[in-house]
Amino acid sequence: MSGVGPVPSGPDDDPFSGLEIPDDLSELDDEVPSVALVVTPVADPAPLAATCALAKVEVDAVPSEVGAIAVLRDPGAGEQAAGAISELLRAVPVVLLERREEQVSATHWVGGERTRDLPPGLVLSDAPELLESLLLGVLRAADVPGTVTSVGMSRWKALRTLAGRRSRD
């Protein structure tokens, strides 16, 4: 048996001693997303940006044919943002899409609560090209005409935006 090293014979020879394997292996996938989007049925980006400003969530709200999309400035805050946005939108469901490296995840949120995981392929199957381009990082929110940011929007302006929208509807 040439080329074979010594076989561990005691606790001091165990190369894995001291190695801890977590019971919940999902902890190993704690990588921060590089992109996080909250897809909403809100028709216009201005009220979505105002809602996000009230929730203290920094986003660029992008118009799309499926509804305004909140592109998070801090992709690591996706779950908190989806919870806050869905809580303010009350019974209106939203979908959080997160991209980590080559992995995309999709979760459904209603009333501030994560209700279920969704198959990302199914969510993206009929998605507009704009959504995919934002998710893949090919397109920046700032480059989309009609984008409205929540960053720097005062509470007063956010409330006026929402009140003005309601009086016109």
N, C-alpha and C. Protein backbone atom coordinates (compact mmCIF):
# COMPACT_ATOMS: atom_id res chain seq x y z
N MET A 1 0.83 -1.18 0.00
CA MET A 1 0.00 0.00 0.00
C MET A 1 0.87 1.24 0.00
N SER A 2 1.60 1.43 -1.03
CA SER A 2 2.43 2.61 -1.09
C SER A 2 1.57 3.82 -1.40
N GLY A 3 1.96 5.00 -0.90
CA GLY A 3 1.24 6.24 -1.17
C GLY A 3 0.11 6.50 -0.20
N VAL A 4 -0.18 5.58 0.69
CA VAL A 4 -1.26 5.78 1.66
C VAL A 4 -0.62 6.24 2.96
N GLY A 5 -1.12 7.34 3.49
CA GLY A 5 -0.58 7.90 4.73
C GLY A 5 -1.03 7.10 5.92
N PRO A 6 -0.59 7.51 7.09
CA PRO A 6 -0.98 6.81 8.31
C PRO A 6 -2.48 6.93 8.56
N VAL A 7 -3.06 5.87 9.04
CA VAL A 7 -4.48 5.84 9.36
C VAL A 7 -4.65 6.39 10.77
N PRO A 8 -5.59 7.35 10.96
CA PRO A 8 -5.81 7.89 12.31
C PRO A 8 -6.17 6.77 13.27
N SER A 9 -5.53 6.80 14.44
CA SER A 9 -5.77 5.73 15.39
C SER A 9 -6.33 6.24 16.70
N GLY A 10 -6.31 7.53 16.93
CA GLY A 10 -6.81 8.05 18.20
C GLY A 10 -7.42 9.41 18.01
N PRO A 11 -7.96 9.98 19.10
CA PRO A 11 -8.63 11.26 19.00
C PRO A 11 -7.70 12.39 18.55
N ASP A 12 -6.42 12.29 18.87
CA ASP A 12 -5.47 13.33 18.47
C ASP A 12 -5.17 13.28 16.98
N ASP A 13 -5.40 12.14 16.35
CA ASP A 13 -5.11 11.97 14.93
C ASP A 13 -6.31 12.31 14.05
N ASP A 14 -7.46 12.62 14.62
CA ASP A 14 -8.67 12.89 13.84
C ASP A 14 -8.61 14.29 13.23
N PRO A 15 -8.51 14.38 11.89
CA PRO A 15 -8.41 15.70 11.26
C PRO A 15 -9.70 16.51 11.38
N PHE A 16 -10.81 15.88 11.73
CA PHE A 16 -12.09 16.58 11.84
C PHE A 16 -12.47 16.92 13.27
N SER A 17 -11.56 16.65 14.23
CA SER A 17 -11.90 16.97 15.61
C SER A 17 -12.04 18.49 15.74
N GLY A 18 -13.05 18.92 16.45
CA GLY A 18 -13.30 20.34 16.62
C GLY A 18 -14.17 20.94 15.53
N LEU A 19 -14.42 20.19 14.46
CA LEU A 19 -15.27 20.67 13.39
C LEU A 19 -16.72 20.56 13.82
N GLU A 20 -17.46 21.66 13.70
CA GLU A 20 -18.87 21.64 14.06
C GLU A 20 -19.72 21.71 12.81
N ILE A 21 -20.65 20.80 12.69
CA ILE A 21 -21.59 20.78 11.58
C ILE A 21 -22.94 21.20 12.13
N PRO A 22 -23.50 22.31 11.62
CA PRO A 22 -24.78 22.77 12.16
C PRO A 22 -25.91 21.80 11.84
N ASP A 23 -26.90 21.73 12.75
CA ASP A 23 -28.07 20.90 12.51
C ASP A 23 -28.87 21.43 11.33
N ASP A 24 -28.95 22.76 11.22
CA ASP A 24 -29.69 23.41 10.14
C ASP A 24 -28.70 23.86 9.08
N LEU A 25 -28.63 23.11 7.99
CA LEU A 25 -27.65 23.41 6.95
C LEU A 25 -27.98 24.67 6.17
N SER A 26 -29.18 25.22 6.35
CA SER A 26 -29.53 26.45 5.65
C SER A 26 -28.65 27.61 6.10
N GLU A 27 -28.05 27.49 7.30
CA GLU A 27 -27.14 28.53 7.77
C GLU A 27 -25.93 28.66 6.85
N LEU A 28 -25.61 27.60 6.13
CA LEU A 28 -24.46 27.64 5.24
C LEU A 28 -24.73 28.51 4.02
N ASP A 29 -26.00 28.83 3.76
CA ASP A 29 -26.39 29.64 2.61
C ASP A 29 -26.78 31.05 3.05
N ASP A 30 -25.99 31.62 3.96
CA ASP A 30 -26.29 32.95 4.48
C ASP A 30 -25.65 34.06 3.65
N GLU A 31 -25.31 33.76 2.43
CA GLU A 31 -24.70 34.75 1.55
C GLU A 31 -25.67 35.90 1.30
N VAL A 32 -25.16 37.11 1.35
CA VAL A 32 -25.98 38.30 1.13
C VAL A 32 -26.33 38.38 -0.36
N PRO A 33 -27.60 38.63 -0.67
CA PRO A 33 -27.99 38.74 -2.08
C PRO A 33 -27.28 39.91 -2.76
N SER A 34 -27.03 39.76 -4.05
CA SER A 34 -26.43 40.87 -4.80
C SER A 34 -27.52 41.77 -5.38
N VAL A 35 -28.72 41.23 -5.53
CA VAL A 35 -29.87 42.00 -6.03
C VAL A 35 -31.11 41.55 -5.28
N ALA A 36 -31.95 42.51 -4.90
CA ALA A 36 -33.24 42.19 -4.28
C ALA A 36 -34.30 43.13 -4.86
N LEU A 37 -35.38 42.53 -5.32
CA LEU A 37 -36.49 43.27 -5.92
C LEU A 37 -37.79 42.87 -5.23
N VAL A 38 -38.68 43.83 -5.03
CA VAL A 38 -40.02 43.53 -4.54
C VAL A 38 -40.98 43.89 -5.66
N VAL A 39 -41.64 42.87 -6.20
CA VAL A 39 -42.57 43.05 -7.31
C VAL A 39 -43.96 43.28 -6.71
N THR A 40 -44.60 44.37 -7.13
CA THR A 40 -45.90 44.74 -6.57
C THR A 40 -46.92 44.95 -7.70
N PRO A 41 -48.21 44.90 -7.36
CA PRO A 41 -49.23 45.23 -8.35
C PRO A 41 -49.55 46.73 -8.38
N VAL A 42 -48.79 47.54 -7.65
CA VAL A 42 -49.01 48.99 -7.64
C VAL A 42 -48.75 49.51 -9.05
N ALA A 43 -49.73 50.22 -9.60
CA ALA A 43 -49.67 50.60 -11.02
C ALA A 43 -48.58 51.62 -11.34
N ASP A 44 -48.29 52.51 -10.41
CA ASP A 44 -47.38 53.62 -10.69
C ASP A 44 -46.22 53.61 -9.69
N PRO A 45 -45.01 53.96 -10.11
CA PRO A 45 -43.88 53.93 -9.18
C PRO A 45 -43.92 55.00 -8.09
N ALA A 46 -44.58 56.14 -8.31
CA ALA A 46 -44.60 57.21 -7.31
C ALA A 46 -45.25 56.77 -5.99
N PRO A 47 -46.45 56.16 -6.01
CA PRO A 47 -47.02 55.72 -4.73
C PRO A 47 -46.21 54.60 -4.08
N LEU A 48 -45.56 53.76 -4.89
CA LEU A 48 -44.72 52.71 -4.29
C LEU A 48 -43.51 53.35 -3.61
N ALA A 49 -42.89 54.33 -4.25
CA ALA A 49 -41.76 55.02 -3.63
C ALA A 49 -42.20 55.73 -2.35
N ALA A 50 -43.40 56.33 -2.37
CA ALA A 50 -43.93 57.00 -1.18
C ALA A 50 -44.18 56.01 -0.06
N THR A 51 -44.75 54.86 -0.40
CA THR A 51 -44.98 53.81 0.60
C THR A 51 -43.66 53.36 1.20
N CYS A 52 -42.65 53.19 0.36
CA CYS A 52 -41.33 52.76 0.84
C CYS A 52 -40.69 53.84 1.71
N ALA A 53 -40.88 55.11 1.35
CA ALA A 53 -40.34 56.21 2.16
C ALA A 53 -40.96 56.18 3.55
N LEU A 54 -42.28 55.95 3.63
CA LEU A 54 -42.95 55.87 4.93
C LEU A 54 -42.44 54.68 5.74
N ALA A 55 -42.10 53.59 5.05
CA ALA A 55 -41.59 52.39 5.72
C ALA A 55 -40.09 52.48 5.99
N LYS A 56 -39.48 53.59 5.57
CA LYS A 56 -38.03 53.79 5.72
C LYS A 56 -37.23 52.71 4.99
N VAL A 57 -37.70 52.37 3.79
CA VAL A 57 -37.03 51.39 2.93
C VAL A 57 -36.50 52.15 1.72
N GLU A 58 -35.19 52.08 1.52
CA GLU A 58 -34.57 52.80 0.41
C GLU A 58 -34.65 51.98 -0.87
N VAL A 59 -35.46 52.47 -1.81
CA VAL A 59 -35.65 51.77 -3.09
C VAL A 59 -35.67 52.77 -4.23
N ASP A 60 -35.50 52.22 -5.41
CA ASP A 60 -35.82 52.92 -6.64
C ASP A 60 -37.02 52.18 -7.20
N ALA A 61 -38.15 52.85 -7.30
CA ALA A 61 -39.39 52.23 -7.80
C ALA A 61 -39.43 52.39 -9.31
N VAL A 62 -39.47 51.26 -9.99
CA VAL A 62 -39.39 51.21 -11.45
C VAL A 62 -40.75 50.83 -12.03
N PRO A 63 -41.22 51.56 -13.05
CA PRO A 63 -42.49 51.18 -13.67
C PRO A 63 -42.30 49.93 -14.55
N SER A 64 -43.32 49.09 -14.55
CA SER A 64 -43.30 47.92 -15.45
C SER A 64 -44.73 47.57 -15.81
N GLU A 65 -44.88 46.73 -16.79
CA GLU A 65 -46.22 46.34 -17.23
C GLU A 65 -46.94 45.44 -16.24
N VAL A 66 -46.22 44.85 -15.28
CA VAL A 66 -46.85 44.00 -14.27
C VAL A 66 -47.08 44.73 -12.96
N GLY A 67 -46.65 45.98 -12.87
CA GLY A 67 -46.74 46.75 -11.64
C GLY A 67 -45.37 47.30 -11.29
N ALA A 68 -45.36 48.26 -10.38
CA ALA A 68 -44.09 48.88 -10.00
C ALA A 68 -43.20 47.87 -9.27
N ILE A 69 -41.91 47.97 -9.53
CA ILE A 69 -40.92 47.08 -8.93
C ILE A 69 -40.02 47.91 -8.03
N ALA A 70 -39.89 47.51 -6.77
CA ALA A 70 -38.99 48.18 -5.84
C ALA A 70 -37.62 47.52 -5.93
N VAL A 71 -36.64 48.27 -6.42
CA VAL A 71 -35.26 47.78 -6.48
C VAL A 71 -34.58 48.28 -5.22
N LEU A 72 -34.23 47.36 -4.33
CA LEU A 72 -33.67 47.75 -3.04
C LEU A 72 -32.26 48.28 -3.17
N ARG A 73 -31.99 49.38 -2.49
CA ARG A 73 -30.63 49.93 -2.45
C ARG A 73 -29.73 49.03 -1.61
N ASP A 74 -30.31 48.36 -0.60
CA ASP A 74 -29.56 47.42 0.24
C ASP A 74 -30.14 46.03 0.00
N PRO A 75 -29.54 45.25 -0.92
CA PRO A 75 -30.09 43.93 -1.23
C PRO A 75 -30.13 42.98 -0.03
N GLY A 76 -29.30 43.23 0.98
CA GLY A 76 -29.30 42.38 2.16
C GLY A 76 -30.51 42.57 3.05
N ALA A 77 -31.29 43.61 2.80
CA ALA A 77 -32.46 43.91 3.62
C ALA A 77 -33.75 43.48 2.94
N GLY A 78 -33.68 42.49 2.06
CA GLY A 78 -34.84 42.07 1.28
C GLY A 78 -36.02 41.62 2.11
N GLU A 79 -35.79 40.78 3.09
CA GLU A 79 -36.91 40.26 3.89
C GLU A 79 -37.56 41.36 4.72
N GLN A 80 -36.73 42.23 5.33
CA GLN A 80 -37.29 43.33 6.11
C GLN A 80 -38.09 44.26 5.19
N ALA A 81 -37.56 44.53 4.01
CA ALA A 81 -38.23 45.43 3.07
C ALA A 81 -39.54 44.83 2.58
N ALA A 82 -39.53 43.56 2.19
CA ALA A 82 -40.76 42.91 1.72
C ALA A 82 -41.81 42.90 2.83
N GLY A 83 -41.38 42.65 4.06
CA GLY A 83 -42.31 42.67 5.18
C GLY A 83 -42.91 44.05 5.39
N ALA A 84 -42.06 45.08 5.37
CA ALA A 84 -42.54 46.45 5.59
C ALA A 84 -43.46 46.91 4.45
N ILE A 85 -43.07 46.64 3.22
CA ILE A 85 -43.88 47.06 2.07
C ILE A 85 -45.23 46.34 2.08
N SER A 86 -45.20 45.02 2.30
CA SER A 86 -46.46 44.26 2.28
C SER A 86 -47.35 44.63 3.46
N GLU A 87 -46.75 45.04 4.57
CA GLU A 87 -47.56 45.47 5.71
C GLU A 87 -48.29 46.78 5.39
N LEU A 88 -47.60 47.71 4.75
CA LEU A 88 -48.25 48.98 4.40
C LEU A 88 -49.26 48.81 3.27
N LEU A 89 -49.03 47.85 2.39
CA LEU A 89 -49.99 47.59 1.30
C LEU A 89 -51.13 46.69 1.77
N ARG A 90 -51.09 46.27 3.02
CA ARG A 90 -52.10 45.44 3.69
C ARG A 90 -52.38 44.13 2.98
N ALA A 91 -53.52 44.00 2.35
CA ALA A 91 -53.93 42.71 1.78
C ALA A 91 -53.38 42.48 0.37
N VAL A 92 -52.56 43.40 -0.11
CA VAL A 92 -52.01 43.27 -1.46
C VAL A 92 -50.75 42.41 -1.40
N PRO A 93 -50.72 41.30 -2.12
CA PRO A 93 -49.53 40.44 -2.09
C PRO A 93 -48.38 41.05 -2.89
N VAL A 94 -47.16 40.77 -2.43
CA VAL A 94 -45.95 41.17 -3.15
C VAL A 94 -45.04 39.95 -3.23
N VAL A 95 -44.09 40.00 -4.16
CA VAL A 95 -43.13 38.91 -4.32
C VAL A 95 -41.73 39.48 -4.17
N LEU A 96 -40.95 38.88 -3.28
CA LEU A 96 -39.54 39.24 -3.12
C LEU A 96 -38.70 38.31 -3.98
N LEU A 97 -37.92 38.89 -4.87
CA LEU A 97 -36.97 38.13 -5.68
C LEU A 97 -35.57 38.52 -5.24
N GLU A 98 -34.75 37.52 -4.92
CA GLU A 98 -33.37 37.77 -4.52
C GLU A 98 -32.44 36.93 -5.38
N ARG A 99 -31.30 37.54 -5.76
CA ARG A 99 -30.30 36.80 -6.52
C ARG A 99 -29.02 36.74 -5.70
N ARG A 100 -28.56 35.52 -5.50
CA ARG A 100 -27.28 35.25 -4.85
C ARG A 100 -26.44 34.47 -5.85
N GLU A 101 -25.35 35.07 -6.31
CA GLU A 101 -24.51 34.42 -7.34
C GLU A 101 -25.41 34.01 -8.51
N GLU A 102 -25.53 32.71 -8.73
CA GLU A 102 -26.35 32.21 -9.85
C GLU A 102 -27.71 31.70 -9.38
N GLN A 103 -28.01 31.86 -8.09
CA GLN A 103 -29.26 31.36 -7.52
C GLN A 103 -30.29 32.48 -7.38
N VAL A 104 -31.52 32.21 -7.76
CA VAL A 104 -32.62 33.16 -7.58
C VAL A 104 -33.64 32.52 -6.65
N SER A 105 -34.13 33.28 -5.69
CA SER A 105 -35.20 32.79 -4.82
C SER A 105 -36.38 33.74 -4.93
N ALA A 106 -37.57 33.20 -4.69
CA ALA A 106 -38.80 33.99 -4.76
C ALA A 106 -39.67 33.64 -3.57
N THR A 107 -40.16 34.66 -2.87
CA THR A 107 -41.04 34.43 -1.73
C THR A 107 -42.25 35.36 -1.83
N HIS A 108 -43.38 34.86 -1.36
CA HIS A 108 -44.67 35.56 -1.41
C HIS A 108 -44.91 36.19 -0.03
N TRP A 109 -45.34 37.45 -0.02
CA TRP A 109 -45.57 38.19 1.22
C TRP A 109 -46.95 38.86 1.19
N VAL A 110 -47.66 38.80 2.32
CA VAL A 110 -48.95 39.49 2.47
C VAL A 110 -49.05 40.02 3.90
N GLY A 111 -49.44 41.27 4.05
CA GLY A 111 -49.67 41.84 5.38
C GLY A 111 -48.48 41.79 6.31
N GLY A 112 -47.29 41.91 5.76
CA GLY A 112 -46.08 41.90 6.58
C GLY A 112 -45.53 40.53 6.88
N GLU A 113 -46.17 39.49 6.38
CA GLU A 113 -45.76 38.11 6.67
C GLU A 113 -45.32 37.37 5.41
N ARG A 114 -44.27 36.61 5.56
CA ARG A 114 -43.83 35.71 4.48
C ARG A 114 -44.79 34.52 4.50
N THR A 115 -45.50 34.32 3.38
CA THR A 115 -46.51 33.26 3.38
C THR A 115 -46.01 31.96 2.76
N ARG A 116 -45.16 32.06 1.74
CA ARG A 116 -44.65 30.82 1.15
C ARG A 116 -43.51 31.11 0.17
N ASP A 117 -42.73 30.07 -0.08
CA ASP A 117 -41.70 30.13 -1.11
C ASP A 117 -42.36 29.82 -2.45
N LEU A 118 -41.86 30.45 -3.48
CA LEU A 118 -42.39 30.24 -4.82
C LEU A 118 -41.28 29.70 -5.72
N PRO A 119 -41.63 28.91 -6.73
CA PRO A 119 -40.62 28.46 -7.68
C PRO A 119 -40.17 29.65 -8.54
N PRO A 120 -38.90 30.06 -8.45
CA PRO A 120 -38.46 31.23 -9.20
C PRO A 120 -38.68 31.11 -10.70
N GLY A 121 -38.51 29.93 -11.25
CA GLY A 121 -38.72 29.73 -12.69
C GLY A 121 -40.14 30.04 -13.10
N LEU A 122 -41.09 29.66 -12.26
CA LEU A 122 -42.49 29.92 -12.54
C LEU A 122 -42.79 31.43 -12.46
N VAL A 123 -42.23 32.08 -11.44
CA VAL A 123 -42.43 33.52 -11.27
C VAL A 123 -41.87 34.28 -12.47
N LEU A 124 -40.71 33.85 -12.96
CA LEU A 124 -40.05 34.56 -14.05
C LEU A 124 -40.51 34.13 -15.44
N SER A 125 -41.31 33.07 -15.53
CA SER A 125 -41.67 32.53 -16.84
C SER A 125 -42.43 33.54 -17.71
N ASP A 126 -43.31 34.33 -17.13
CA ASP A 126 -44.06 35.32 -17.90
C ASP A 126 -43.65 36.75 -17.54
N ALA A 127 -42.51 36.87 -16.88
CA ALA A 127 -42.07 38.20 -16.43
C ALA A 127 -41.59 39.03 -17.62
N PRO A 128 -41.80 40.34 -17.52
CA PRO A 128 -41.28 41.20 -18.59
C PRO A 128 -39.75 41.19 -18.60
N GLU A 129 -39.19 41.47 -19.75
CA GLU A 129 -37.73 41.47 -19.91
C GLU A 129 -37.08 42.45 -18.93
N LEU A 130 -37.77 43.55 -18.64
CA LEU A 130 -37.26 44.55 -17.71
C LEU A 130 -36.96 43.93 -16.35
N LEU A 131 -37.88 43.10 -15.84
CA LEU A 131 -37.70 42.46 -14.55
C LEU A 131 -36.46 41.57 -14.56
N GLU A 132 -36.32 40.76 -15.58
CA GLU A 132 -35.15 39.89 -15.68
C GLU A 132 -33.87 40.69 -15.78
N SER A 133 -33.88 41.77 -16.54
CA SER A 133 -32.68 42.61 -16.70
C SER A 133 -32.28 43.25 -15.37
N LEU A 134 -33.26 43.69 -14.58
CA LEU A 134 -32.97 44.25 -13.26
C LEU A 134 -32.41 43.17 -12.34
N LEU A 135 -33.03 42.00 -12.35
CA LEU A 135 -32.61 40.91 -11.48
C LEU A 135 -31.21 40.42 -11.81
N LEU A 136 -30.88 40.38 -13.09
CA LEU A 136 -29.55 39.92 -13.51
C LEU A 136 -28.49 41.01 -13.42
N GLY A 137 -28.90 42.23 -13.13
CA GLY A 137 -27.94 43.32 -13.02
C GLY A 137 -27.49 43.89 -14.35
N VAL A 138 -28.18 43.51 -15.42
CA VAL A 138 -27.87 44.00 -16.76
C VAL A 138 -28.34 45.44 -16.91
N LEU A 139 -29.39 45.80 -16.18
CA LEU A 139 -29.99 47.13 -16.25
C LEU A 139 -30.05 47.72 -14.85
N ARG A 140 -29.69 49.00 -14.73
CA ARG A 140 -29.79 49.70 -13.45
C ARG A 140 -31.13 50.42 -13.37
N ALA A 141 -31.71 50.46 -12.19
CA ALA A 141 -33.00 51.13 -12.01
C ALA A 141 -32.94 52.58 -12.46
N ALA A 142 -31.83 53.25 -12.19
CA ALA A 142 -31.68 54.66 -12.55
C ALA A 142 -31.75 54.89 -14.06
N ASP A 143 -31.50 53.84 -14.84
CA ASP A 143 -31.53 53.97 -16.30
C ASP A 143 -32.91 53.76 -16.91
N VAL A 144 -33.88 53.41 -16.07
CA VAL A 144 -35.24 53.16 -16.57
C VAL A 144 -36.05 54.46 -16.47
N PRO A 145 -36.59 54.94 -17.59
CA PRO A 145 -37.41 56.16 -17.55
C PRO A 145 -38.62 55.98 -16.63
N GLY A 146 -38.91 57.01 -15.83
CA GLY A 146 -40.06 56.96 -14.94
C GLY A 146 -39.76 56.42 -13.56
N THR A 147 -38.50 56.08 -13.29
CA THR A 147 -38.12 55.57 -11.98
C THR A 147 -38.23 56.68 -10.94
N VAL A 148 -38.78 56.33 -9.77
CA VAL A 148 -38.93 57.28 -8.66
C VAL A 148 -38.23 56.69 -7.45
N THR A 149 -37.41 57.48 -6.78
CA THR A 149 -36.69 56.96 -5.61
C THR A 149 -37.38 57.36 -4.31
N SER A 150 -37.25 56.49 -3.32
CA SER A 150 -37.76 56.81 -1.98
C SER A 150 -36.69 57.50 -1.16
N VAL A 151 -35.45 57.45 -1.63
CA VAL A 151 -34.32 58.03 -0.91
C VAL A 151 -34.46 59.55 -0.88
N GLY A 152 -34.47 60.10 0.32
CA GLY A 152 -34.59 61.54 0.48
C GLY A 152 -36.02 62.06 0.43
N MET A 153 -37.00 61.18 0.20
CA MET A 153 -38.40 61.63 0.17
C MET A 153 -38.87 61.82 1.62
N SER A 154 -39.32 63.03 1.93
CA SER A 154 -39.77 63.30 3.30
C SER A 154 -41.11 62.61 3.56
N ARG A 155 -41.40 62.46 4.83
CA ARG A 155 -42.68 61.86 5.22
C ARG A 155 -43.83 62.71 4.67
N TRP A 156 -43.67 64.04 4.74
CA TRP A 156 -44.70 64.96 4.25
C TRP A 156 -44.93 64.75 2.75
N LYS A 157 -43.85 64.68 1.97
CA LYS A 157 -43.99 64.49 0.52
C LYS A 157 -44.61 63.12 0.22
N ALA A 158 -44.21 62.11 0.98
CA ALA A 158 -44.77 60.76 0.78
C ALA A 158 -46.28 60.77 1.03
N LEU A 159 -46.70 61.40 2.11
CA LEU A 159 -48.13 61.47 2.42
C LEU A 159 -48.89 62.26 1.36
N ARG A 160 -48.30 63.37 0.90
CA ARG A 160 -48.94 64.16 -0.16
C ARG A 160 -49.06 63.35 -1.44
N THR A 161 -48.02 62.59 -1.76
CA THR A 161 -48.04 61.75 -2.97
C THR A 161 -49.17 60.74 -2.88
N LEU A 162 -49.29 60.09 -1.73
CA LEU A 162 -50.35 59.09 -1.56
C LEU A 162 -51.74 59.73 -1.53
N ALA A 163 -51.88 60.86 -0.86
CA ALA A 163 -53.17 61.55 -0.79
C ALA A 163 -53.58 62.06 -2.17
N GLY A 164 -52.65 62.61 -2.91
CA GLY A 164 -52.94 63.10 -4.25
C GLY A 164 -53.35 61.98 -5.17
N ARG A 165 -52.74 60.84 -5.02
CA ARG A 165 -53.05 59.67 -5.86
C ARG A 165 -54.46 59.20 -5.55
N ARG A 166 -54.84 59.18 -4.27
CA ARG A 166 -56.18 58.70 -3.89
C ARG A 166 -57.26 59.64 -4.40
N SER A 167 -56.99 60.96 -4.33
CA SER A 167 -58.03 61.90 -4.76
C SER A 167 -58.24 61.87 -6.27
N ARG A 168 -57.22 61.43 -7.03
CA ARG A 168 -57.36 61.32 -8.48
C ARG A 168 -58.01 60.01 -8.90
N ASP A 169 -57.91 58.99 -8.06
CA ASP A 169 -58.45 57.66 -8.43
C ASP A 169 -59.93 57.56 -8.20
